[in-house]
N, C-alpha and C. Protein backbone atom coordinates (compact mmCIF):
# COMPACT_ATOMS: atom_id res chain seq x y z
N MET A 1 -22.57 -0.76 6.94
CA MET A 1 -23.95 0.37 7.36
C MET A 1 -25.13 0.07 6.26
N LEU A 2 -24.89 0.45 4.69
CA LEU A 2 -25.85 0.46 3.76
C LEU A 2 -26.29 -0.82 3.56
N ARG A 3 -25.61 -1.88 3.56
CA ARG A 3 -26.47 -3.12 3.65
C ARG A 3 -27.30 -3.84 4.98
N TYR A 4 -26.71 -3.32 5.88
CA TYR A 4 -27.89 -3.02 6.98
C TYR A 4 -29.03 -2.81 6.94
N ILE A 5 -28.99 -1.46 6.68
CA ILE A 5 -29.98 -0.65 6.54
C ILE A 5 -30.84 -1.11 5.60
N THR A 6 -30.23 -1.43 4.51
CA THR A 6 -31.12 -2.00 3.11
C THR A 6 -31.99 -3.49 3.36
N THR A 7 -31.21 -4.24 4.26
CA THR A 7 -31.73 -5.43 4.52
C THR A 7 -32.15 -6.00 5.47
N GLU A 8 -31.50 -5.07 6.71
CA GLU A 8 -32.17 -5.71 7.96
C GLU A 8 -33.04 -4.60 9.19
N ASN A 9 -32.61 -3.13 8.69
CA ASN A 9 -33.37 -1.93 9.33
C ASN A 9 -33.92 -1.02 8.44
N GLN A 10 -34.86 -1.50 7.91
CA GLN A 10 -35.36 -0.27 6.68
C GLN A 10 -36.36 0.86 7.29
N ALA A 11 -36.14 0.94 8.83
CA ALA A 11 -36.63 1.91 9.64
C ALA A 11 -35.57 3.14 9.33
N ILE A 12 -34.30 2.95 9.17
CA ILE A 12 -33.54 3.84 9.34
C ILE A 12 -33.55 4.51 7.82
N PRO A 13 -33.58 5.78 7.59
CA PRO A 13 -33.25 6.44 5.98
C PRO A 13 -32.32 6.44 5.40
N LEU A 14 -31.97 6.01 4.38
CA LEU A 14 -30.46 5.77 3.79
C LEU A 14 -30.10 7.05 3.36
N PRO A 15 -28.54 7.13 3.22
CA PRO A 15 -28.38 8.93 2.83
C PRO A 15 -28.64 8.85 1.15
N ARG A 16 -28.48 10.07 1.24
CA ARG A 16 -28.50 10.59 -0.55
C ARG A 16 -27.53 9.83 -1.54
N CYS A 17 -26.25 9.75 -0.80
CA CYS A 17 -25.12 9.05 -1.65
C CYS A 17 -24.22 8.68 -0.48
N ALA A 18 -23.14 7.94 -0.97
CA ALA A 18 -21.75 7.59 -0.12
C ALA A 18 -20.81 7.30 -0.93
N LEU A 19 -19.67 8.28 -0.12
CA LEU A 19 -18.40 7.86 -0.66
C LEU A 19 -17.41 7.04 0.17
N LEU A 20 -16.52 6.22 -0.89
CA LEU A 20 -15.79 5.02 -0.16
C LEU A 20 -14.71 5.35 -0.84
N TRP A 21 -13.61 5.56 0.27
CA TRP A 21 -12.22 5.95 0.07
C TRP A 21 -11.49 4.49 0.16
N SER A 22 -11.07 3.91 -0.98
CA SER A 22 -10.26 2.69 -0.62
C SER A 22 -10.89 1.96 0.20
N PRO A 23 -12.33 1.68 -0.31
CA PRO A 23 -12.60 0.35 0.55
C PRO A 23 -12.48 -1.06 0.25
N TRP A 24 -12.12 -1.46 1.97
CA TRP A 24 -11.28 -3.09 1.67
C TRP A 24 -12.57 -3.94 1.75
N VAL A 25 -12.77 -4.38 0.44
CA VAL A 25 -13.89 -5.27 -0.02
C VAL A 25 -13.93 -6.83 -0.04
N ASP A 26 -12.72 -7.29 0.05
CA ASP A 26 -12.49 -8.93 0.72
C ASP A 26 -11.50 -8.89 2.02
N MET A 27 -12.16 -9.29 2.71
CA MET A 27 -11.59 -9.73 4.31
C MET A 27 -10.74 -10.61 4.21
N THR A 28 -11.13 -11.71 3.47
CA THR A 28 -11.11 -12.91 3.48
C THR A 28 -9.27 -13.45 3.94
N GLN A 29 -9.39 -14.46 4.25
CA GLN A 29 -7.92 -15.11 4.82
C GLN A 29 -7.28 -15.33 3.47
N LYS A 30 -7.75 -15.99 2.02
CA LYS A 30 -8.08 -16.00 1.08
C LYS A 30 -7.48 -14.71 0.05
N ALA A 31 -8.01 -14.10 0.52
CA ALA A 31 -7.38 -12.44 -0.16
C ALA A 31 -6.31 -11.91 0.38
N LEU A 32 -6.05 -12.26 1.66
CA LEU A 32 -4.82 -11.78 2.42
C LEU A 32 -3.60 -12.46 1.68
N LEU A 33 -3.91 -13.92 1.72
CA LEU A 33 -2.51 -14.45 1.09
C LEU A 33 -2.59 -14.26 -0.19
N LYS A 34 -3.05 -13.76 -1.07
CA LYS A 34 -2.80 -13.08 -2.40
C LYS A 34 -1.94 -11.85 -2.44
N MET A 35 -2.05 -11.17 -1.22
CA MET A 35 -1.54 -9.77 -1.24
C MET A 35 -0.13 -9.62 -1.67
N GLU A 36 0.72 -10.64 -1.38
CA GLU A 36 2.16 -10.47 -1.63
C GLU A 36 2.57 -10.43 -3.19
N GLN A 37 1.51 -11.30 -3.99
CA GLN A 37 2.01 -11.76 -5.47
C GLN A 37 1.40 -10.27 -6.33
N HIS A 38 0.40 -9.34 -5.53
CA HIS A 38 0.42 -8.75 -6.28
C HIS A 38 1.18 -7.30 -7.11
N ARG A 39 0.40 -7.00 -7.74
CA ARG A 39 1.70 -6.17 -8.78
C ARG A 39 2.32 -4.86 -7.97
N ASN A 40 1.14 -4.50 -7.11
CA ASN A 40 1.22 -3.07 -6.31
C ASN A 40 1.61 -3.51 -4.95
N TYR A 41 2.27 -4.09 -5.02
CA TYR A 41 2.58 -4.77 -2.99
C TYR A 41 4.05 -4.05 -2.90
N LYS A 42 4.91 -3.71 -3.90
CA LYS A 42 5.91 -3.03 -3.14
C LYS A 42 5.66 -1.26 -3.04
N SER A 43 4.51 -1.03 -4.05
CA SER A 43 4.31 0.18 -3.80
C SER A 43 3.07 0.76 -2.75
N ASP A 44 2.55 0.27 -2.12
CA ASP A 44 1.75 0.32 -1.16
C ASP A 44 2.21 0.01 0.25
N TYR A 45 1.94 0.94 1.11
CA TYR A 45 1.63 0.45 2.80
C TYR A 45 1.13 -0.65 2.97
N ILE A 46 0.12 -1.44 2.23
CA ILE A 46 -0.29 -1.92 2.81
C ILE A 46 0.45 -3.31 2.46
N GLU A 47 0.39 -4.04 3.85
CA GLU A 47 0.93 -5.69 3.38
C GLU A 47 0.41 -6.76 4.22
N TYR A 48 1.01 -8.05 4.34
CA TYR A 48 0.49 -8.93 4.69
C TYR A 48 0.06 -9.06 6.28
N ASP A 49 1.01 -8.47 7.02
CA ASP A 49 0.74 -8.29 8.73
C ASP A 49 -0.08 -7.22 8.68
N PHE A 50 0.09 -6.07 8.39
CA PHE A 50 -1.31 -5.38 8.31
C PHE A 50 -2.53 -5.44 8.15
N GLY A 51 -2.65 -6.46 6.96
CA GLY A 51 -3.94 -6.80 6.77
C GLY A 51 -4.30 -7.74 7.92
N SER A 52 -3.67 -8.45 7.78
CA SER A 52 -3.73 -9.63 8.76
C SER A 52 -4.12 -8.98 10.23
N TRP A 53 -3.20 -7.95 10.55
CA TRP A 53 -3.63 -7.35 12.06
C TRP A 53 -5.24 -6.56 11.71
N GLY A 54 -5.29 -5.96 10.91
CA GLY A 54 -6.63 -5.28 10.61
C GLY A 54 -7.85 -6.32 10.46
N ALA A 55 -7.72 -7.49 10.23
CA ALA A 55 -8.94 -8.16 9.75
C ALA A 55 -9.21 -8.81 11.05
N ARG A 56 -8.04 -9.30 11.97
CA ARG A 56 -8.22 -9.75 13.32
C ARG A 56 -8.88 -8.93 14.21
N SER A 57 -8.62 -7.33 13.94
CA SER A 57 -9.14 -6.49 14.98
C SER A 57 -10.35 -6.08 14.41
N TYR A 58 -11.20 -6.18 13.18
CA TYR A 58 -11.85 -5.97 12.94
C TYR A 58 -13.28 -7.07 12.90
N ILE A 59 -12.85 -7.98 12.37
CA ILE A 59 -13.85 -9.29 12.38
C ILE A 59 -14.40 -9.60 13.81
N PRO A 60 -15.67 -9.68 13.91
CA PRO A 60 -16.35 -9.94 15.32
C PRO A 60 -15.70 -11.46 15.45
N PRO A 61 -15.64 -11.89 16.67
CA PRO A 61 -15.59 -13.57 16.76
C PRO A 61 -16.81 -13.90 16.62
N GLY A 62 -16.08 -15.15 15.98
CA GLY A 62 -17.65 -16.04 15.41
C GLY A 62 -18.07 -16.27 14.26
N TRP A 63 -17.75 -14.86 13.74
CA TRP A 63 -17.95 -14.44 12.12
C TRP A 63 -16.69 -14.91 11.28
N SER A 64 -17.82 -15.38 10.20
CA SER A 64 -16.96 -15.69 9.11
C SER A 64 -16.51 -14.58 8.39
N ASP A 65 -14.71 -14.65 7.90
CA ASP A 65 -14.19 -13.46 6.88
C ASP A 65 -14.76 -13.30 5.71
N SER A 66 -15.62 -14.04 5.21
CA SER A 66 -16.58 -14.04 3.78
C SER A 66 -18.15 -13.27 4.06
N ASN A 67 -18.55 -13.17 5.28
CA ASN A 67 -19.57 -12.49 5.24
C ASN A 67 -19.61 -11.17 4.82
N PRO A 68 -20.83 -11.31 4.29
CA PRO A 68 -21.17 -9.75 3.28
C PRO A 68 -20.96 -8.72 3.94
N TYR A 69 -21.48 -8.78 5.20
CA TYR A 69 -21.20 -7.22 5.89
C TYR A 69 -19.52 -6.85 6.09
N LEU A 70 -18.88 -8.06 5.96
CA LEU A 70 -17.36 -7.44 6.06
C LEU A 70 -16.34 -7.35 4.94
N SER A 71 -17.10 -8.60 3.89
CA SER A 71 -16.50 -8.59 2.62
C SER A 71 -17.52 -8.71 1.37
N PRO A 72 -17.94 -7.57 0.94
CA PRO A 72 -18.90 -7.36 0.12
C PRO A 72 -18.67 -7.56 -1.40
N LEU A 73 -17.35 -8.00 -1.64
CA LEU A 73 -16.96 -8.65 -3.06
C LEU A 73 -17.37 -9.67 -3.36
N GLY A 74 -18.26 -10.14 -4.21
CA GLY A 74 -18.72 -11.02 -4.69
C GLY A 74 -20.54 -11.54 -4.28
N SER A 75 -20.47 -10.40 -3.23
CA SER A 75 -21.80 -10.55 -2.74
C SER A 75 -22.63 -9.18 -2.85
N GLU A 76 -22.22 -8.04 -4.28
CA GLU A 76 -22.93 -7.12 -4.32
C GLU A 76 -24.26 -7.11 -4.75
N TYR A 77 -24.89 -6.12 -4.63
CA TYR A 77 -26.54 -6.16 -4.86
C TYR A 77 -26.86 -4.57 -5.47
N ARG A 78 -28.30 -4.36 -5.64
CA ARG A 78 -28.43 -3.32 -6.15
C ARG A 78 -28.87 -2.31 -5.01
N LEU A 79 -28.45 -1.22 -5.36
CA LEU A 79 -28.93 -0.39 -4.06
C LEU A 79 -29.17 1.04 -4.56
N SER A 80 -29.89 1.31 -3.96
CA SER A 80 -30.50 3.00 -4.65
C SER A 80 -29.83 4.05 -4.01
N VAL A 81 -28.76 4.05 -3.10
CA VAL A 81 -27.89 4.77 -2.73
C VAL A 81 -26.62 5.13 -3.86
N PRO A 82 -26.33 6.33 -4.74
CA PRO A 82 -25.28 6.40 -5.44
C PRO A 82 -24.04 6.32 -4.65
N LEU A 83 -23.44 5.48 -5.52
CA LEU A 83 -21.68 5.32 -4.75
C LEU A 83 -20.43 6.00 -5.85
N PHE A 84 -19.50 6.85 -5.04
CA PHE A 84 -18.60 7.81 -5.22
C PHE A 84 -17.47 6.60 -4.70
N ILE A 85 -16.67 6.22 -5.28
CA ILE A 85 -15.82 4.94 -5.07
C ILE A 85 -14.38 5.49 -5.70
N GLU A 86 -12.98 5.62 -4.68
CA GLU A 86 -11.75 6.35 -5.23
C GLU A 86 -11.00 4.94 -4.76
N VAL A 87 -9.79 5.24 -5.41
CA VAL A 87 -9.11 3.83 -5.45
C VAL A 87 -7.67 4.22 -5.94
N GLY A 88 -6.72 4.00 -5.37
CA GLY A 88 -5.21 4.27 -6.12
C GLY A 88 -4.65 3.22 -6.86
N THR A 89 -4.41 3.94 -7.88
CA THR A 89 -3.88 3.18 -9.26
C THR A 89 -2.57 2.20 -8.62
N SER A 90 -1.70 2.54 -7.57
CA SER A 90 -0.65 1.99 -6.99
C SER A 90 -1.08 0.89 -5.73
N GLU A 91 -2.80 0.84 -5.73
CA GLU A 91 -3.02 0.38 -4.28
C GLU A 91 -2.78 -1.55 -4.35
N VAL A 92 -2.52 -1.90 -3.29
CA VAL A 92 -2.85 -3.51 -3.61
C VAL A 92 -4.48 -3.61 -3.39
N LEU A 93 -4.86 -3.18 -2.88
CA LEU A 93 -6.44 -3.39 -3.08
C LEU A 93 -7.18 -2.98 -4.31
N TYR A 94 -6.56 -2.47 -5.36
CA TYR A 94 -7.09 -1.84 -6.59
C TYR A 94 -7.78 -2.80 -7.30
N ASP A 95 -7.47 -4.11 -7.63
CA ASP A 95 -8.34 -5.07 -8.50
C ASP A 95 -9.61 -5.34 -7.73
N ASP A 96 -9.44 -5.55 -6.75
CA ASP A 96 -10.67 -5.82 -5.77
C ASP A 96 -11.57 -4.75 -5.51
N ILE A 97 -11.35 -3.51 -5.54
CA ILE A 97 -12.08 -2.55 -5.66
C ILE A 97 -12.62 -1.75 -6.94
N VAL A 98 -11.55 -2.26 -7.67
CA VAL A 98 -12.43 -2.01 -9.23
C VAL A 98 -13.35 -2.97 -9.79
N LEU A 99 -13.17 -4.23 -9.39
CA LEU A 99 -14.33 -5.01 -9.59
C LEU A 99 -15.25 -5.21 -8.60
N PHE A 100 -15.40 -5.07 -7.35
CA PHE A 100 -16.41 -4.37 -6.91
C PHE A 100 -17.31 -3.43 -7.24
N ALA A 101 -17.01 -2.11 -7.98
CA ALA A 101 -17.62 -1.42 -8.24
C ALA A 101 -18.24 -1.62 -9.95
N HIS A 102 -17.52 -2.52 -10.40
CA HIS A 102 -17.96 -2.74 -11.96
C HIS A 102 -19.23 -4.05 -11.24
N ASN A 103 -19.37 -4.76 -10.38
CA ASN A 103 -20.24 -5.74 -10.10
C ASN A 103 -21.32 -4.66 -9.55
N MET A 104 -21.42 -3.88 -8.66
CA MET A 104 -22.28 -2.94 -8.16
C MET A 104 -23.24 -2.19 -9.37
N LYS A 105 -22.49 -2.04 -10.63
CA LYS A 105 -22.83 -1.08 -11.35
C LYS A 105 -23.83 -2.19 -12.27
N GLU A 106 -22.84 -3.28 -12.55
CA GLU A 106 -23.92 -4.58 -13.06
C GLU A 106 -25.45 -5.06 -12.40
N LYS A 107 -25.41 -4.89 -11.10
CA LYS A 107 -26.43 -4.98 -10.34
C LYS A 107 -27.36 -3.82 -10.14
N GLY A 108 -27.23 -2.52 -10.65
CA GLY A 108 -27.78 -1.13 -11.26
C GLY A 108 -27.57 -0.21 -9.98
N THR A 109 -26.50 -0.29 -9.23
CA THR A 109 -26.22 0.39 -8.61
C THR A 109 -25.67 1.75 -9.64
N GLU A 110 -25.97 3.00 -9.15
CA GLU A 110 -25.29 4.25 -10.09
C GLU A 110 -23.68 4.13 -8.98
N VAL A 111 -22.69 3.60 -9.91
CA VAL A 111 -21.65 4.04 -9.36
C VAL A 111 -20.58 5.28 -9.91
N GLU A 112 -19.51 5.97 -9.37
CA GLU A 112 -18.42 6.70 -10.07
C GLU A 112 -17.15 6.34 -9.30
N LEU A 113 -16.59 5.89 -10.27
CA LEU A 113 -15.43 5.39 -9.78
C LEU A 113 -14.58 6.40 -10.27
N ARG A 114 -13.22 6.86 -9.34
CA ARG A 114 -12.07 7.76 -9.18
C ARG A 114 -11.12 6.67 -9.14
N GLU A 115 -10.15 6.85 -10.02
CA GLU A 115 -8.63 6.11 -9.79
C GLU A 115 -7.71 7.20 -9.53
N ALA A 116 -7.40 7.06 -8.34
CA ALA A 116 -6.18 8.25 -8.22
C ALA A 116 -5.05 7.69 -8.41
N PRO A 117 -4.51 8.76 -9.69
CA PRO A 117 -2.77 8.17 -9.95
C PRO A 117 -2.28 8.21 -9.20
N ASN A 118 -1.30 7.20 -9.45
CA ASN A 118 -0.10 6.66 -8.58
C ASN A 118 -0.67 6.58 -7.07
N GLY A 119 -1.67 6.95 -6.63
CA GLY A 119 -2.31 6.64 -5.28
C GLY A 119 -2.19 5.47 -4.72
N VAL A 120 -1.66 5.26 -3.22
CA VAL A 120 -1.68 3.92 -2.69
C VAL A 120 -3.50 3.82 -1.70
N HIS A 121 -3.07 3.14 -0.79
CA HIS A 121 -4.32 2.68 -0.06
C HIS A 121 -4.65 4.10 0.94
N ALA A 122 -6.13 4.58 0.90
CA ALA A 122 -6.73 5.75 1.40
C ALA A 122 -5.46 7.16 1.50
N THR A 123 -5.39 7.15 0.10
CA THR A 123 -4.51 8.38 -0.90
C THR A 123 -5.18 9.61 -0.21
N PHE A 124 -6.45 9.77 -0.27
CA PHE A 124 -6.92 10.78 0.36
C PHE A 124 -6.18 11.46 1.72
N GLY A 125 -5.72 10.73 2.48
CA GLY A 125 -5.34 10.67 3.71
C GLY A 125 -4.12 10.98 4.14
N ILE A 126 -3.30 10.74 3.21
CA ILE A 126 -1.84 10.43 3.34
C ILE A 126 -1.13 11.18 2.10
N ALA A 127 -1.71 12.19 1.45
CA ALA A 127 -1.18 12.55 0.03
C ALA A 127 -0.22 13.68 0.09
N ASP A 128 -0.39 14.48 1.12
CA ASP A 128 0.56 15.51 1.46
C ASP A 128 1.72 14.70 2.26
N THR A 129 1.82 13.66 3.08
CA THR A 129 2.50 12.57 3.57
C THR A 129 3.85 12.36 2.18
N LEU A 130 2.93 12.07 1.18
CA LEU A 130 3.61 11.16 0.10
C LEU A 130 3.87 12.37 -1.29
N GLY A 131 4.02 13.77 -0.81
CA GLY A 131 4.27 14.74 -1.71
C GLY A 131 3.30 15.00 -3.06
N MET A 132 2.01 14.51 -2.71
CA MET A 132 1.20 14.31 -4.07
C MET A 132 -0.01 15.30 -3.30
N PRO A 133 -0.35 16.19 -2.68
CA PRO A 133 -1.45 17.22 -2.10
C PRO A 133 -2.31 17.24 -3.70
N GLU A 134 -2.18 17.56 -4.81
CA GLU A 134 -2.98 17.76 -6.03
C GLU A 134 -3.98 16.10 -5.94
N VAL A 135 -3.45 15.30 -5.77
CA VAL A 135 -4.30 13.83 -6.07
C VAL A 135 -5.41 13.90 -5.15
N ALA A 136 -5.27 14.22 -3.76
CA ALA A 136 -6.19 14.57 -2.87
C ALA A 136 -7.30 15.64 -2.85
N ILE A 137 -6.43 16.47 -3.05
CA ILE A 137 -7.41 18.01 -3.78
C ILE A 137 -8.13 17.43 -4.75
N ASP A 138 -7.90 16.74 -5.79
CA ASP A 138 -8.81 16.72 -6.93
C ASP A 138 -10.10 15.42 -6.18
N GLY A 139 -9.44 14.60 -5.89
CA GLY A 139 -10.24 13.58 -5.40
C GLY A 139 -11.40 14.32 -4.46
N HIS A 140 -10.92 15.11 -3.69
CA HIS A 140 -12.11 15.96 -2.75
C HIS A 140 -12.83 16.46 -3.59
N ALA A 141 -12.38 17.22 -4.45
CA ALA A 141 -13.34 17.61 -5.60
C ALA A 141 -14.24 17.19 -5.84
N GLN A 142 -13.93 16.09 -6.73
CA GLN A 142 -14.58 14.98 -7.42
C GLN A 142 -15.70 14.23 -6.67
N GLY A 143 -15.37 14.23 -5.07
CA GLY A 143 -16.15 13.88 -4.22
C GLY A 143 -17.35 14.69 -3.92
N ALA A 144 -16.97 16.08 -3.87
CA ALA A 144 -17.76 17.04 -3.80
C ALA A 144 -18.86 17.36 -4.91
N ARG A 145 -17.91 17.41 -6.01
CA ARG A 145 -19.27 17.27 -7.11
C ARG A 145 -20.52 16.33 -6.93
N PHE A 146 -20.01 15.15 -7.03
CA PHE A 146 -20.68 13.78 -6.84
C PHE A 146 -21.69 14.18 -5.88
N ILE A 147 -21.28 14.87 -4.76
CA ILE A 147 -22.27 15.04 -3.66
C ILE A 147 -23.53 15.82 -4.03
N ALA A 148 -22.71 17.14 -4.68
CA ALA A 148 -23.74 17.93 -5.36
C ALA A 148 -24.45 17.22 -6.58
N ARG A 149 -24.15 16.72 -7.35
CA ARG A 149 -24.70 15.96 -8.25
C ARG A 149 -25.82 15.06 -7.96
N THR A 150 -25.47 14.33 -6.76
CA THR A 150 -26.38 13.05 -6.45
C THR A 150 -27.76 13.73 -5.39
N GLY A 151 -27.95 15.23 -4.98
CA GLY A 151 -29.04 15.42 -4.53
C GLY A 151 -28.59 16.16 -3.20
N GLY A 152 -27.07 16.20 -2.70
CA GLY A 152 -26.78 16.58 -1.42
C GLY A 152 -26.62 18.25 -1.67
N GLU A 153 -26.97 19.17 -0.64
CA GLU A 153 -26.94 20.36 -0.46
C GLU A 153 -26.09 21.04 -0.17
């Protein structure tokens, strides 16, 4: 959405900040095929079939899976909106998310990266089920502080 607002429809006002929780930043088939070799593959619930279903469900017919709206990794740009990004350290998407955060910083975007200890994909939503509610509570608190620091009311 932020890419669309900044590149296509500048009449829409930008938010003061954005919070990204375990963003899937590379939906390409190439990335899906590498998933099973990732060191966190056995510790996360995201696996090839689930990822493949997600990509098929999300990518519009006729669109390339490498379209920057769908797979922003490798197409980073300077964004005036500060980003809070959370990634689980046991997440199969960990490396891509960390690289995306780094690349966005390199382009001049303010980025705060939070690594959820032993977190899997979208830890914030399932931490209670995993018996680690403190990880989600801490992530939510850090996100709230980020909003307050970047101009939120």
